[in-house]
N, C-alpha and C. Protein backbone atom coordinates (compact mmCIF):
# COMPACT_ATOMS: atom_id res chain seq x y z
N MET A 1 43.30 2.47 21.14
CA MET A 1 42.59 3.71 21.31
C MET A 1 41.79 4.06 20.05
N ALA A 2 42.42 3.88 18.89
CA ALA A 2 41.75 4.22 17.62
C ALA A 2 40.54 3.30 17.40
N VAL A 3 40.67 2.03 17.80
CA VAL A 3 39.57 1.09 17.63
C VAL A 3 38.38 1.51 18.50
N LEU A 4 38.65 1.99 19.69
CA LEU A 4 37.59 2.44 20.58
C LEU A 4 36.87 3.66 19.99
N VAL A 5 37.62 4.61 19.47
CA VAL A 5 37.02 5.81 18.87
C VAL A 5 36.19 5.41 17.65
N PHE A 6 36.72 4.50 16.84
CA PHE A 6 35.99 4.03 15.66
C PHE A 6 34.70 3.34 16.07
N GLY A 7 34.75 2.50 17.09
CA GLY A 7 33.56 1.78 17.55
C GLY A 7 32.49 2.73 18.08
N VAL A 8 32.89 3.73 18.86
CA VAL A 8 31.92 4.70 19.38
C VAL A 8 31.31 5.50 18.23
N ALA A 9 32.12 5.91 17.26
CA ALA A 9 31.60 6.65 16.11
C ALA A 9 30.65 5.79 15.29
N PHE A 10 30.96 4.52 15.14
CA PHE A 10 30.11 3.61 14.38
C PHE A 10 28.75 3.45 15.05
N VAL A 11 28.74 3.23 16.34
CA VAL A 11 27.49 3.06 17.08
C VAL A 11 26.68 4.36 17.05
N GLY A 12 27.35 5.49 17.22
CA GLY A 12 26.66 6.78 17.17
C GLY A 12 26.04 7.04 15.81
N ALA A 13 26.76 6.68 14.77
CA ALA A 13 26.22 6.87 13.42
C ALA A 13 25.02 5.96 13.18
N ARG A 14 25.05 4.76 13.68
CA ARG A 14 23.92 3.84 13.51
C ARG A 14 22.68 4.32 14.24
N ILE A 15 22.87 4.91 15.40
CA ILE A 15 21.73 5.35 16.20
C ILE A 15 21.11 6.62 15.64
N HIS A 16 21.94 7.55 15.19
CA HIS A 16 21.45 8.87 14.80
C HIS A 16 21.34 9.07 13.29
N ALA A 17 21.57 8.05 12.51
CA ALA A 17 21.50 8.21 11.05
C ALA A 17 20.05 8.46 10.64
N PRO A 18 19.80 9.47 9.77
CA PRO A 18 18.42 9.75 9.38
C PRO A 18 17.78 8.64 8.56
N GLY A 19 18.56 7.87 7.83
CA GLY A 19 17.99 6.81 7.01
C GLY A 19 17.79 5.50 7.75
N HIS A 20 18.23 5.44 8.97
CA HIS A 20 18.13 4.20 9.74
C HIS A 20 16.70 4.01 10.25
N ALA A 21 16.13 2.85 9.99
CA ALA A 21 14.77 2.56 10.44
C ALA A 21 14.77 2.38 11.95
N LYS A 22 13.99 3.18 12.63
CA LYS A 22 13.97 3.12 14.08
C LYS A 22 12.79 2.31 14.62
N GLY A 23 11.90 1.92 13.76
CA GLY A 23 10.76 1.12 14.18
C GLY A 23 10.42 0.12 13.10
N LYS A 24 9.30 -0.54 13.28
CA LYS A 24 8.86 -1.51 12.27
C LYS A 24 8.35 -0.79 11.04
N ALA A 25 8.61 -1.35 9.89
CA ALA A 25 8.11 -0.78 8.65
C ALA A 25 6.63 -1.08 8.49
N LYS A 26 5.88 -0.07 8.03
CA LYS A 26 4.46 -0.26 7.79
C LYS A 26 4.23 -0.27 6.28
N PRO A 27 3.34 -1.11 5.79
CA PRO A 27 3.07 -1.11 4.35
C PRO A 27 2.39 0.19 3.95
N LEU A 28 2.77 0.69 2.79
CA LEU A 28 2.18 1.92 2.29
C LEU A 28 0.84 1.62 1.64
N GLY A 29 -0.08 2.53 1.74
CA GLY A 29 -1.38 2.35 1.13
C GLY A 29 -1.89 3.68 0.60
N ALA A 30 -2.77 3.60 -0.37
CA ALA A 30 -3.37 4.81 -0.93
C ALA A 30 -4.40 5.35 0.04
N PRO A 31 -4.63 6.66 0.01
CA PRO A 31 -5.69 7.23 0.86
C PRO A 31 -7.05 6.63 0.49
N SER A 32 -7.92 6.52 1.46
CA SER A 32 -9.22 5.89 1.22
C SER A 32 -10.04 6.68 0.19
N SER A 33 -9.88 8.01 0.15
CA SER A 33 -10.63 8.80 -0.84
C SER A 33 -10.19 8.44 -2.25
N PHE A 34 -8.90 8.18 -2.44
CA PHE A 34 -8.40 7.79 -3.76
C PHE A 34 -8.93 6.41 -4.14
N GLU A 35 -8.94 5.48 -3.19
CA GLU A 35 -9.46 4.14 -3.48
C GLU A 35 -10.93 4.19 -3.85
N ARG A 36 -11.71 5.03 -3.14
CA ARG A 36 -13.13 5.18 -3.49
C ARG A 36 -13.30 5.75 -4.89
N ALA A 37 -12.49 6.73 -5.25
CA ALA A 37 -12.60 7.34 -6.58
C ALA A 37 -12.27 6.34 -7.67
N VAL A 38 -11.27 5.50 -7.43
CA VAL A 38 -10.90 4.47 -8.42
C VAL A 38 -12.03 3.45 -8.57
N LYS A 39 -12.58 3.00 -7.45
CA LYS A 39 -13.67 2.03 -7.51
C LYS A 39 -14.89 2.61 -8.22
N ARG A 40 -15.17 3.90 -7.95
CA ARG A 40 -16.30 4.56 -8.59
C ARG A 40 -16.09 4.67 -10.10
N SER A 41 -14.88 5.02 -10.53
CA SER A 41 -14.63 5.17 -11.96
C SER A 41 -14.64 3.82 -12.68
N VAL A 42 -14.20 2.76 -12.00
CA VAL A 42 -14.23 1.43 -12.60
C VAL A 42 -15.68 0.97 -12.75
N ALA A 43 -16.51 1.28 -11.77
CA ALA A 43 -17.90 0.87 -11.82
C ALA A 43 -18.67 1.59 -12.93
N GLN A 44 -18.24 2.81 -13.27
CA GLN A 44 -18.93 3.56 -14.30
C GLN A 44 -18.66 2.99 -15.69
N GLY A 45 -17.56 2.33 -15.86
CA GLY A 45 -17.23 1.77 -17.16
C GLY A 45 -16.69 2.84 -18.09
N GLY A 46 -16.83 2.61 -19.37
CA GLY A 46 -16.32 3.57 -20.33
C GLY A 46 -15.06 3.04 -20.99
N GLN A 47 -14.54 3.85 -21.86
CA GLN A 47 -13.38 3.42 -22.61
C GLN A 47 -12.32 4.51 -22.55
N ILE A 48 -11.09 4.09 -22.46
CA ILE A 48 -9.98 5.03 -22.43
C ILE A 48 -9.48 5.21 -23.86
N ALA A 49 -9.26 6.44 -24.26
CA ALA A 49 -8.78 6.71 -25.61
C ALA A 49 -7.35 6.21 -25.76
N PRO A 50 -7.02 5.74 -26.96
CA PRO A 50 -5.64 5.28 -27.16
C PRO A 50 -4.67 6.45 -27.11
N ALA A 51 -3.43 6.14 -26.86
CA ALA A 51 -2.40 7.17 -26.80
C ALA A 51 -2.20 7.79 -28.17
N VAL A 52 -1.92 9.08 -28.19
CA VAL A 52 -1.69 9.78 -29.45
C VAL A 52 -0.29 9.45 -29.94
N GLN A 53 -0.22 9.02 -31.18
CA GLN A 53 1.07 8.64 -31.77
C GLN A 53 1.67 9.85 -32.50
N PRO A 54 2.96 10.04 -32.41
CA PRO A 54 3.58 11.12 -33.19
C PRO A 54 3.55 10.76 -34.67
N PRO A 55 3.55 11.75 -35.57
CA PRO A 55 3.51 11.43 -37.00
C PRO A 55 4.78 10.67 -37.40
N PRO A 56 4.66 9.79 -38.41
CA PRO A 56 5.84 9.04 -38.84
C PRO A 56 6.90 9.97 -39.41
N VAL A 57 8.14 9.60 -39.21
CA VAL A 57 9.25 10.40 -39.72
C VAL A 57 9.43 10.11 -41.20
N ALA A 58 9.47 11.17 -42.00
CA ALA A 58 9.66 11.02 -43.44
C ALA A 58 10.83 11.88 -43.87
N SER A 59 11.66 11.33 -44.69
CA SER A 59 12.77 12.13 -45.21
C SER A 59 12.53 12.39 -46.70
N SER A 60 12.97 13.51 -47.14
CA SER A 60 12.77 13.84 -48.56
C SER A 60 14.12 13.91 -49.25
N THR A 61 14.08 13.68 -50.54
CA THR A 61 15.31 13.76 -51.32
C THR A 61 15.27 15.06 -52.13
N SER A 62 16.43 15.64 -52.35
CA SER A 62 16.49 16.90 -53.10
C SER A 62 16.64 16.64 -54.56
């Protein structure tokens, strides 16, 4: 009896679980407006500024 209850609960959990994939997975892609903006900015060229470095740590003696 316990095995039957466990089996029914297991099947029910598999069917109704929110994380369970119910269909085929589709590859994710960026919106077309974003892709156009990236292509446009690459075509314009230019240079990206280097990252700002924090000042070096210095210790002083008393």
